[in-house]
N, C-alpha and C. Protein backbone atom coordinates (compact mmCIF):
# COMPACT_ATOMS: atom_id res chain seq x y z
N UNK A 1 -7.02 -13.46 -3.11
CA UNK A 1 -6.94 -12.13 -3.68
C UNK A 1 -6.07 -12.18 -4.92
N UNK A 2 -6.44 -11.44 -5.91
CA UNK A 2 -5.69 -11.42 -7.15
C UNK A 2 -4.44 -10.58 -7.02
N UNK A 3 -3.31 -11.20 -7.27
CA UNK A 3 -2.01 -10.54 -7.08
C UNK A 3 -1.84 -9.30 -7.95
N UNK A 4 -2.47 -9.27 -9.12
CA UNK A 4 -2.27 -8.11 -10.00
C UNK A 4 -2.85 -6.81 -9.44
N UNK A 5 -3.65 -6.91 -8.40
CA UNK A 5 -4.23 -5.72 -7.78
C UNK A 5 -3.45 -5.25 -6.56
N UNK A 6 -2.45 -6.03 -6.12
CA UNK A 6 -1.65 -5.66 -4.94
C UNK A 6 -0.71 -4.50 -5.27
N UNK A 7 -0.50 -3.64 -4.29
CA UNK A 7 0.47 -2.55 -4.38
C UNK A 7 0.20 -1.57 -5.52
N UNK A 8 -1.07 -1.38 -5.84
CA UNK A 8 -1.44 -0.42 -6.87
C UNK A 8 -2.13 0.81 -6.29
N UNK A 9 -2.40 0.80 -4.96
CA UNK A 9 -3.05 1.92 -4.32
C UNK A 9 -4.56 1.89 -4.36
N UNK A 10 -5.14 0.83 -4.90
CA UNK A 10 -6.61 0.75 -5.01
C UNK A 10 -7.28 0.75 -3.64
N UNK A 11 -6.73 0.00 -2.70
CA UNK A 11 -7.34 -0.08 -1.37
C UNK A 11 -7.32 1.27 -0.67
N UNK A 12 -6.19 1.96 -0.73
CA UNK A 12 -6.07 3.25 -0.07
C UNK A 12 -6.99 4.29 -0.72
N UNK A 13 -7.05 4.30 -2.04
CA UNK A 13 -7.95 5.23 -2.74
C UNK A 13 -9.41 4.94 -2.39
N UNK A 14 -9.73 3.66 -2.29
CA UNK A 14 -11.10 3.28 -1.92
C UNK A 14 -11.40 3.74 -0.50
N UNK A 15 -10.44 3.54 0.42
CA UNK A 15 -10.67 3.96 1.80
C UNK A 15 -10.85 5.48 1.88
N UNK A 16 -10.07 6.25 1.12
CA UNK A 16 -10.22 7.70 1.11
C UNK A 16 -11.62 8.09 0.63
N UNK A 17 -12.15 7.38 -0.39
CA UNK A 17 -13.50 7.67 -0.87
C UNK A 17 -14.54 7.37 0.20
N UNK A 18 -14.36 6.29 0.95
CA UNK A 18 -15.29 5.93 2.02
C UNK A 18 -15.33 7.05 3.06
N UNK A 19 -14.16 7.52 3.49
CA UNK A 19 -14.11 8.60 4.48
C UNK A 19 -14.77 9.88 3.95
N UNK A 20 -14.54 10.20 2.68
CA UNK A 20 -15.16 11.40 2.09
C UNK A 20 -16.67 11.24 1.95
N UNK A 21 -17.12 10.01 1.71
CA UNK A 21 -18.56 9.75 1.55
C UNK A 21 -19.31 9.89 2.87
N UNK A 22 -18.63 9.60 3.98
CA UNK A 22 -19.24 9.66 5.31
C UNK A 22 -18.45 10.60 6.22
N UNK A 23 -18.45 11.90 5.92
CA UNK A 23 -17.61 12.85 6.65
C UNK A 23 -18.01 13.07 8.10
N UNK A 24 -19.22 12.71 8.48
CA UNK A 24 -19.67 12.93 9.85
C UNK A 24 -19.31 11.77 10.79
N UNK A 25 -18.70 10.74 10.25
CA UNK A 25 -18.31 9.60 11.08
C UNK A 25 -17.25 10.04 12.07
N UNK A 26 -17.45 9.74 13.32
CA UNK A 26 -16.51 10.12 14.38
C UNK A 26 -15.43 9.07 14.61
N UNK A 27 -15.84 7.78 14.57
CA UNK A 27 -14.91 6.69 14.85
C UNK A 27 -15.16 5.55 13.85
N UNK A 28 -14.10 5.10 13.22
CA UNK A 28 -14.15 3.93 12.36
C UNK A 28 -13.57 2.76 13.12
N UNK A 29 -14.14 1.57 12.96
CA UNK A 29 -13.60 0.37 13.58
C UNK A 29 -13.58 -0.76 12.54
N UNK A 30 -12.63 -1.64 12.70
CA UNK A 30 -12.56 -2.83 11.85
C UNK A 30 -11.76 -3.89 12.58
N UNK A 31 -11.76 -5.09 12.03
CA UNK A 31 -11.08 -6.24 12.63
C UNK A 31 -10.40 -7.03 11.51
N UNK A 32 -9.24 -7.59 11.81
CA UNK A 32 -8.56 -8.45 10.84
C UNK A 32 -7.81 -9.55 11.59
N UNK A 33 -7.66 -10.72 10.98
CA UNK A 33 -6.91 -11.80 11.64
C UNK A 33 -5.46 -11.37 11.93
N UNK A 34 -4.92 -11.85 13.03
CA UNK A 34 -3.58 -11.45 13.47
C UNK A 34 -2.50 -11.82 12.47
N UNK A 35 -2.71 -12.85 11.67
CA UNK A 35 -1.68 -13.32 10.75
C UNK A 35 -1.70 -12.59 9.41
N UNK A 36 -2.67 -11.72 9.19
CA UNK A 36 -2.77 -11.00 7.91
C UNK A 36 -1.90 -9.74 7.97
N UNK A 37 -0.61 -9.93 7.82
CA UNK A 37 0.36 -8.84 7.95
C UNK A 37 0.05 -7.71 6.97
N UNK A 38 -0.34 -8.04 5.76
CA UNK A 38 -0.66 -6.98 4.77
C UNK A 38 -1.81 -6.11 5.26
N UNK A 39 -2.84 -6.73 5.83
CA UNK A 39 -3.98 -5.96 6.34
C UNK A 39 -3.55 -5.04 7.49
N UNK A 40 -2.75 -5.59 8.40
CA UNK A 40 -2.30 -4.80 9.55
C UNK A 40 -1.50 -3.60 9.06
N UNK A 41 -0.57 -3.82 8.14
CA UNK A 41 0.21 -2.72 7.55
C UNK A 41 -0.72 -1.69 6.91
N UNK A 42 -1.69 -2.15 6.13
CA UNK A 42 -2.60 -1.25 5.43
C UNK A 42 -3.38 -0.37 6.41
N UNK A 43 -4.03 -0.98 7.38
CA UNK A 43 -4.86 -0.21 8.30
C UNK A 43 -4.04 0.74 9.18
N UNK A 44 -2.91 0.28 9.68
CA UNK A 44 -2.11 1.10 10.60
C UNK A 44 -1.27 2.13 9.86
N UNK A 45 -0.47 1.69 8.91
CA UNK A 45 0.50 2.56 8.27
C UNK A 45 -0.05 3.39 7.12
N UNK A 46 -1.06 2.89 6.44
CA UNK A 46 -1.63 3.63 5.31
C UNK A 46 -2.85 4.46 5.71
N UNK A 47 -3.76 3.85 6.48
CA UNK A 47 -5.04 4.50 6.74
C UNK A 47 -5.13 5.19 8.10
N UNK A 48 -4.15 5.01 8.96
CA UNK A 48 -4.12 5.73 10.22
C UNK A 48 -4.90 5.13 11.37
N UNK A 49 -5.24 3.86 11.28
CA UNK A 49 -5.91 3.18 12.39
C UNK A 49 -4.90 2.87 13.49
N UNK A 50 -5.39 2.66 14.69
CA UNK A 50 -4.61 2.19 15.83
C UNK A 50 -5.14 0.83 16.23
N UNK A 51 -4.23 -0.05 16.63
CA UNK A 51 -4.66 -1.34 17.18
C UNK A 51 -5.12 -1.10 18.61
N UNK A 52 -6.36 -1.48 18.91
CA UNK A 52 -6.90 -1.22 20.24
C UNK A 52 -7.11 -2.49 21.06
N UNK A 53 -7.09 -3.66 20.38
CA UNK A 53 -7.34 -4.88 21.14
C UNK A 53 -6.91 -6.10 20.34
N UNK A 54 -6.41 -7.09 21.03
CA UNK A 54 -6.20 -8.42 20.48
C UNK A 54 -7.29 -9.29 21.08
N UNK A 55 -8.10 -9.88 20.23
CA UNK A 55 -9.22 -10.67 20.74
C UNK A 55 -9.28 -11.99 19.98
N UNK A 56 -10.16 -12.86 20.44
CA UNK A 56 -10.37 -14.12 19.72
C UNK A 56 -11.86 -14.39 19.62
N UNK A 57 -12.21 -15.28 18.69
CA UNK A 57 -13.63 -15.57 18.46
C UNK A 57 -14.33 -16.11 19.69
N UNK A 58 -13.61 -16.82 20.54
CA UNK A 58 -14.25 -17.36 21.73
C UNK A 58 -14.65 -16.23 22.69
N UNK A 59 -13.99 -15.04 22.58
CA UNK A 59 -14.42 -13.88 23.37
C UNK A 59 -15.79 -13.39 22.91
N UNK A 60 -16.01 -13.46 21.59
CA UNK A 60 -17.24 -12.91 21.01
C UNK A 60 -18.37 -13.92 20.94
N UNK A 61 -18.01 -15.20 20.74
CA UNK A 61 -19.01 -16.26 20.60
C UNK A 61 -18.65 -17.39 21.54
N UNK A 62 -19.40 -17.57 22.57
CA UNK A 62 -19.07 -18.55 23.62
C UNK A 62 -19.04 -19.99 23.13
N UNK A 63 -19.73 -20.30 22.05
CA UNK A 63 -19.80 -21.69 21.61
C UNK A 63 -18.69 -22.06 20.62
N UNK A 64 -17.75 -21.18 20.35
CA UNK A 64 -16.63 -21.47 19.45
C UNK A 64 -15.52 -22.15 20.26
N UNK A 65 -15.09 -23.33 19.83
CA UNK A 65 -14.04 -24.05 20.55
C UNK A 65 -12.65 -23.66 20.06
N UNK A 66 -12.50 -23.46 18.75
CA UNK A 66 -11.19 -23.13 18.19
C UNK A 66 -10.89 -21.65 18.43
N UNK A 67 -9.69 -21.37 18.89
CA UNK A 67 -9.29 -19.99 19.16
C UNK A 67 -8.69 -19.41 17.89
N UNK A 68 -9.27 -18.33 17.40
CA UNK A 68 -8.74 -17.60 16.26
C UNK A 68 -8.54 -16.16 16.70
N UNK A 69 -7.31 -15.69 16.59
CA UNK A 69 -6.96 -14.36 17.08
C UNK A 69 -7.15 -13.28 16.02
N UNK A 70 -7.62 -12.12 16.50
CA UNK A 70 -7.88 -10.98 15.63
C UNK A 70 -7.37 -9.70 16.30
N UNK A 71 -6.97 -8.74 15.46
CA UNK A 71 -6.70 -7.40 15.95
C UNK A 71 -7.93 -6.54 15.68
N UNK A 72 -8.34 -5.77 16.68
CA UNK A 72 -9.40 -4.79 16.52
C UNK A 72 -8.72 -3.43 16.32
N UNK A 73 -9.16 -2.69 15.32
CA UNK A 73 -8.59 -1.39 14.99
C UNK A 73 -9.62 -0.29 15.21
N UNK A 74 -9.11 0.92 15.42
CA UNK A 74 -9.98 2.09 15.61
C UNK A 74 -9.29 3.30 14.99
N UNK A 75 -10.08 4.13 14.34
CA UNK A 75 -9.57 5.39 13.81
C UNK A 75 -10.53 6.48 14.25
N UNK A 76 -10.03 7.42 15.05
CA UNK A 76 -10.83 8.54 15.53
C UNK A 76 -10.62 9.71 14.57
N UNK A 77 -11.70 10.21 14.04
CA UNK A 77 -11.64 11.28 13.05
C UNK A 77 -11.60 12.65 13.73
N UNK A 78 -10.93 13.57 13.11
CA UNK A 78 -10.87 14.95 13.58
C UNK A 78 -11.80 15.81 12.75
N UNK A 79 -13.11 15.64 12.97
CA UNK A 79 -14.11 16.39 12.17
C UNK A 79 -14.30 17.77 12.74
């Protein structure tokens, strides 16, 4: 990621546009690797998501040998 775009509010403004574009959405979900602290901060503290699960790729794909951990997020909208 290009450092000159960090901490400028572009991600949050983009997320606000996504929510406005799809106002009938009841629940948003996304996933990010557990080690991506910036992503976790963004989704939880900026966009209002909640962490609902810690999972790994072997949970989703039985043939994956390497364990890679992810946080699953959810945001329930008040439409």
